[in-house]
């Protein structure tokens, strides 16, 4: 091979190496505590952008965090958003590495209004990437959207797979209220696979329609106390 060709091959390899961290994608699911309060925390990493949601296990109402770009793992934080979408608190990570090789995360939660700070500690429960789940099996991916009574999960055995069902979970008990089977697999949108919409006074659960995936729509029936498929 000529010297010029060797140089081109080396440059291409270097570019691929530099670009590879940005192509990483996955979901990490954690159990842990903020202060003395037990929480469940899920973070989505995609193209160096981190999206996350968590809830206090006592209330089970998902709290959305503002997406953040991870450029320095030792100077990384995410803003917790209130119901109006405004920053309410800051989660600062001592070291931001959200993967199966990092089983424990620590940091500080700070309330913007009062200035009160609490330590947090998270233990990895599961990690989903494009190839598999760790540990192997199917894991419920918490959704950022919820209703006053229910929160939602999408069972997944790896990242970026189509969704085949939605689990409707009761906030008061944490028990599964209903499993919605999708007649046509829906595209997975990570933490935003399930959307909650108020349509003519009725609560609907929806998935996004794309060129490759069919939309699903389920509407709450107060008589049967079940979500029912309105497209079937």
Protein backbone atom coordinates (compact mmCIF):
# COMPACT_ATOMS: atom_id res chain seq x y z
CA UNK A 1 0.00 0.00 0.00
CA UNK A 2 1.30 3.45 -0.92
CA UNK A 3 2.22 5.98 1.74
CA UNK A 4 -0.68 8.23 0.70
CA UNK A 5 -3.17 5.35 1.08
CA UNK A 6 -1.75 4.48 4.51
CA UNK A 7 -2.19 8.08 5.62
CA UNK A 8 -5.82 8.14 4.43
CA UNK A 9 -6.56 4.84 6.19
CA UNK A 10 -4.99 6.15 9.41
CA UNK A 11 -7.04 9.36 9.27
CA UNK A 12 -10.28 7.45 8.65
CA UNK A 13 -9.53 5.16 11.58
CA UNK A 14 -8.81 8.13 13.82
CA UNK A 15 -12.08 9.81 12.85
CA UNK A 16 -14.04 6.65 13.59
CA UNK A 17 -12.32 6.27 16.93
CA UNK A 18 -13.12 9.87 17.87
CA UNK A 19 -16.70 9.52 16.72
CA UNK A 20 -17.43 6.21 18.43
CA UNK A 21 -18.36 7.60 21.89
CA UNK A 22 -20.99 9.81 20.26
CA UNK A 23 -22.65 6.79 18.70
CA UNK A 24 -23.19 5.07 22.01
CA UNK A 25 -26.83 4.71 23.05
CA UNK A 26 -28.47 3.05 25.98
CA UNK A 27 -30.76 3.23 28.99
CA UNK A 28 -29.53 2.76 32.55
CA UNK A 29 -32.05 1.92 35.30
CA UNK A 30 -31.11 2.67 38.91
CA UNK A 31 -32.48 2.24 42.42
CA UNK A 32 -31.24 4.59 45.11
CA UNK A 33 -31.87 7.40 47.54
CA UNK A 34 -31.94 11.16 47.69
CA UNK A 35 -31.26 11.84 51.33
CA UNK A 36 -33.46 9.29 53.11
CA UNK A 37 -36.03 9.01 50.30
CA UNK A 38 -35.99 5.96 48.02
CA UNK A 39 -36.10 6.72 44.29
CA UNK A 40 -36.11 4.98 40.92
CA UNK A 41 -33.98 6.76 38.30
CA UNK A 42 -33.72 6.12 34.55
CA UNK A 43 -31.31 7.88 32.21
CA UNK A 44 -31.10 7.72 28.43
CA UNK A 45 -27.76 8.37 26.72
CA UNK A 46 -27.81 9.08 23.01
CA UNK A 47 -25.22 10.93 20.94
CA UNK A 48 -23.74 12.43 24.14
CA UNK A 49 -27.13 13.90 25.11
CA UNK A 50 -28.54 12.68 28.42
CA UNK A 51 -32.29 12.54 29.12
CA UNK A 52 -33.65 11.30 32.41
CA UNK A 53 -36.68 10.87 34.62
CA UNK A 54 -37.12 9.60 38.17
CA UNK A 55 -39.71 9.22 40.87
CA UNK A 56 -39.82 8.96 44.62
CA UNK A 57 -40.90 5.39 45.37
CA UNK A 58 -43.40 6.70 47.93
CA UNK A 59 -45.36 8.67 45.30
CA UNK A 60 -44.35 7.12 41.95
CA UNK A 61 -44.97 10.31 39.95
CA UNK A 62 -42.27 10.67 37.25
CA UNK A 63 -40.21 13.87 37.40
CA UNK A 64 -38.63 14.91 34.14
CA UNK A 65 -35.07 16.28 33.92
CA UNK A 66 -33.95 18.79 31.33
CA UNK A 67 -31.79 17.17 28.61
CA UNK A 68 -28.10 17.90 29.06
CA UNK A 69 -24.99 17.48 26.92
CA UNK A 70 -22.27 15.41 28.58
CA UNK A 71 -18.88 16.90 27.79
CA UNK A 72 -17.05 16.70 31.14
CA UNK A 73 -17.99 13.72 33.36
CA UNK A 74 -16.68 15.45 36.50
CA UNK A 75 -18.66 18.64 35.89
CA UNK A 76 -22.02 17.20 34.92
CA UNK A 77 -25.42 18.16 36.24
CA UNK A 78 -29.07 17.97 35.22
CA UNK A 79 -31.95 20.26 36.13
CA UNK A 80 -35.10 18.75 37.60
CA UNK A 81 -38.19 20.37 36.05
CA UNK A 82 -41.42 21.26 37.82
CA UNK A 83 -44.92 20.76 36.36
CA UNK A 84 -44.59 24.05 34.46
CA UNK A 85 -41.33 22.89 32.85
CA UNK A 86 -39.16 25.26 34.90
CA UNK A 87 -35.93 24.23 36.70
CA UNK A 88 -36.71 23.35 40.33
CA UNK A 89 -33.62 21.48 41.52
CA UNK A 90 -30.15 20.42 40.38
CA UNK A 91 -28.69 16.91 40.33
CA UNK A 92 -24.89 17.14 40.24
CA UNK A 93 -23.02 13.89 39.60
CA UNK A 94 -19.61 13.29 41.16
CA UNK A 95 -18.74 11.29 38.06
CA UNK A 96 -21.15 10.89 35.15
CA UNK A 97 -20.72 7.48 33.54
CA UNK A 98 -24.03 5.81 32.77
CA UNK A 99 -23.18 2.31 31.61
CA UNK A 100 -23.05 -1.31 32.75
CA UNK A 101 -19.45 -0.79 33.89
CA UNK A 102 -20.50 1.82 36.47
CA UNK A 103 -22.63 0.07 39.11
CA UNK A 104 -22.76 3.03 41.54
CA UNK A 105 -23.35 6.76 41.14
CA UNK A 106 -23.13 9.50 43.77
CA UNK A 107 -23.80 13.20 43.81
CA UNK A 108 -25.81 16.03 45.32
CA UNK A 109 -29.42 17.15 44.85
CA UNK A 110 -29.99 20.89 45.48
CA UNK A 111 -33.33 22.69 45.67
CA UNK A 112 -33.12 25.96 43.70
CA UNK A 113 -35.76 27.70 45.81
CA UNK A 114 -34.49 26.90 49.30
CA UNK A 115 -30.86 26.05 48.58
CA UNK A 116 -31.24 22.81 50.55
CA UNK A 117 -28.81 20.08 49.46
CA UNK A 118 -29.01 16.33 49.96
CA UNK A 119 -26.62 13.57 48.90
CA UNK A 120 -27.84 10.93 46.50
CA UNK A 121 -26.58 7.45 45.75
CA UNK A 122 -27.74 5.19 42.92
CA UNK A 123 -27.16 1.49 42.31
CA UNK A 124 -27.44 0.09 38.79
CA UNK A 125 -30.34 -2.34 38.41
CA UNK A 126 -30.26 -2.86 34.63
CA UNK A 127 -28.66 -1.51 31.48
CA UNK A 128 -30.08 -1.71 27.96
CA UNK A 129 -27.95 -1.14 24.88
CA UNK A 130 -28.40 -1.86 21.17
CA UNK A 131 -27.25 -5.46 21.51
CA UNK A 132 -28.64 -6.79 24.79
CA UNK A 133 -29.77 -6.18 28.34
CA UNK A 134 -27.58 -6.44 31.42
CA UNK A 135 -28.50 -8.53 33.28
CA UNK A 136 -30.08 -10.60 30.52
CA UNK A 137 -33.85 -10.50 30.36
CA UNK A 138 -36.69 -8.04 29.97
CA UNK A 139 -36.72 -4.86 32.06
CA UNK A 140 -39.45 -2.21 32.49
CA UNK A 141 -38.46 1.18 31.10
CA UNK A 142 -40.15 3.95 33.08
CA UNK A 143 -41.99 6.53 30.99
CA UNK A 144 -41.80 10.27 31.68
CA UNK A 145 -45.54 10.79 31.10
CA UNK A 146 -48.11 9.83 33.72
CA UNK A 147 -51.67 10.53 34.86
CA UNK A 148 -52.90 11.44 38.31
CA UNK A 149 -53.55 7.76 39.06
CA UNK A 150 -51.14 5.81 36.84
CA UNK A 151 -47.57 5.70 35.63
CA UNK A 152 -46.38 3.63 32.68
CA UNK A 153 -43.62 1.22 31.72
CA UNK A 154 -42.49 -0.31 28.43
CA UNK A 155 -40.87 -3.78 28.78
CA UNK A 156 -37.61 -3.99 26.80
CA UNK A 157 -34.92 -6.63 26.37
CA UNK A 158 -32.49 -4.23 24.63
CA UNK A 159 -32.34 -0.64 23.44
CA UNK A 160 -33.96 0.61 20.23
CA UNK A 161 -36.40 -2.27 19.75
CA UNK A 162 -40.07 -1.92 18.86
CA UNK A 163 -42.48 -1.92 21.76
CA UNK A 164 -44.99 -4.77 21.97
CA UNK A 165 -46.81 -3.79 25.17
CA UNK A 166 -47.38 -1.00 27.70
CA UNK A 167 -47.71 -1.68 31.42
CA UNK A 168 -50.19 0.51 33.29
CA UNK A 169 -49.01 0.80 36.90
CA UNK A 170 -51.01 2.16 39.84
CA UNK A 171 -49.18 4.93 41.69
CA UNK A 172 -50.71 4.19 45.08
CA UNK A 173 -49.53 0.58 45.23
CA UNK A 174 -46.92 0.15 42.49
CA UNK A 175 -48.92 -2.84 41.24
CA UNK A 176 -49.65 -3.54 37.57
CA UNK A 177 -53.20 -2.45 36.79
CA UNK A 178 -53.31 -3.44 33.14
CA UNK A 179 -51.09 -4.62 30.30
CA UNK A 180 -51.86 -3.12 26.90
CA UNK A 181 -50.84 -5.42 24.05
CA UNK A 182 -49.97 -3.58 20.86
CA UNK A 183 -51.53 -5.25 17.82
CA UNK A 184 -48.83 -3.60 15.69
CA UNK A 185 -45.40 -3.02 17.30
CA UNK A 186 -44.74 0.64 18.05
CA UNK A 187 -41.49 2.53 17.59
CA UNK A 188 -39.65 2.95 20.88
CA UNK A 189 -39.00 6.56 21.82
CA UNK A 190 -37.16 5.77 25.01
CA UNK A 191 -38.62 7.62 27.99
CA UNK A 192 -41.22 9.21 25.70
CA UNK A 193 -42.61 6.11 24.01
CA UNK A 194 -45.95 6.63 25.79
CA UNK A 195 -47.63 10.01 25.43
CA UNK A 196 -50.58 11.12 27.56
CA UNK A 197 -53.13 13.30 25.74
CA UNK A 198 -56.47 14.79 26.82
CA UNK A 199 -58.85 14.33 23.89
CA UNK A 200 -62.39 15.72 24.19
CA UNK A 201 -62.32 15.29 27.95
CA UNK A 202 -60.98 11.71 27.79
CA UNK A 203 -57.48 10.56 28.71
CA UNK A 204 -55.64 8.80 25.91
CA UNK A 205 -52.33 6.95 25.72
CA UNK A 206 -50.61 7.25 22.36
CA UNK A 207 -47.49 6.10 20.57
CA UNK A 208 -45.95 8.04 17.69
CA UNK A 209 -46.65 7.02 14.11
CA UNK A 210 -43.72 6.96 11.69
CA UNK A 211 -43.05 5.60 8.23
CA UNK A 212 -42.05 2.30 9.82
CA UNK A 213 -44.28 2.04 12.91
CA UNK A 214 -48.04 2.21 13.36
CA UNK A 215 -49.51 4.49 16.01
CA UNK A 216 -51.45 3.04 18.94
CA UNK A 217 -54.22 4.87 20.81
CA UNK A 218 -55.81 3.70 24.04
CA UNK A 219 -58.59 5.65 25.77
CA UNK A 220 -59.60 5.45 29.43
CA UNK A 221 -63.09 4.00 29.96
CA UNK A 222 -64.38 5.15 33.38
CA UNK A 223 -67.07 2.45 33.36
CA UNK A 224 -64.71 -0.52 32.99
CA UNK A 225 -61.76 1.35 34.55
CA UNK A 226 -59.55 0.18 31.74
CA UNK A 227 -57.70 1.70 28.81
CA UNK A 228 -59.28 0.43 25.57
CA UNK A 229 -57.85 0.30 22.04
CA UNK A 230 -59.77 2.87 19.99
CA UNK A 231 -58.17 1.90 16.67
CA UNK A 232 -59.11 -1.77 16.76
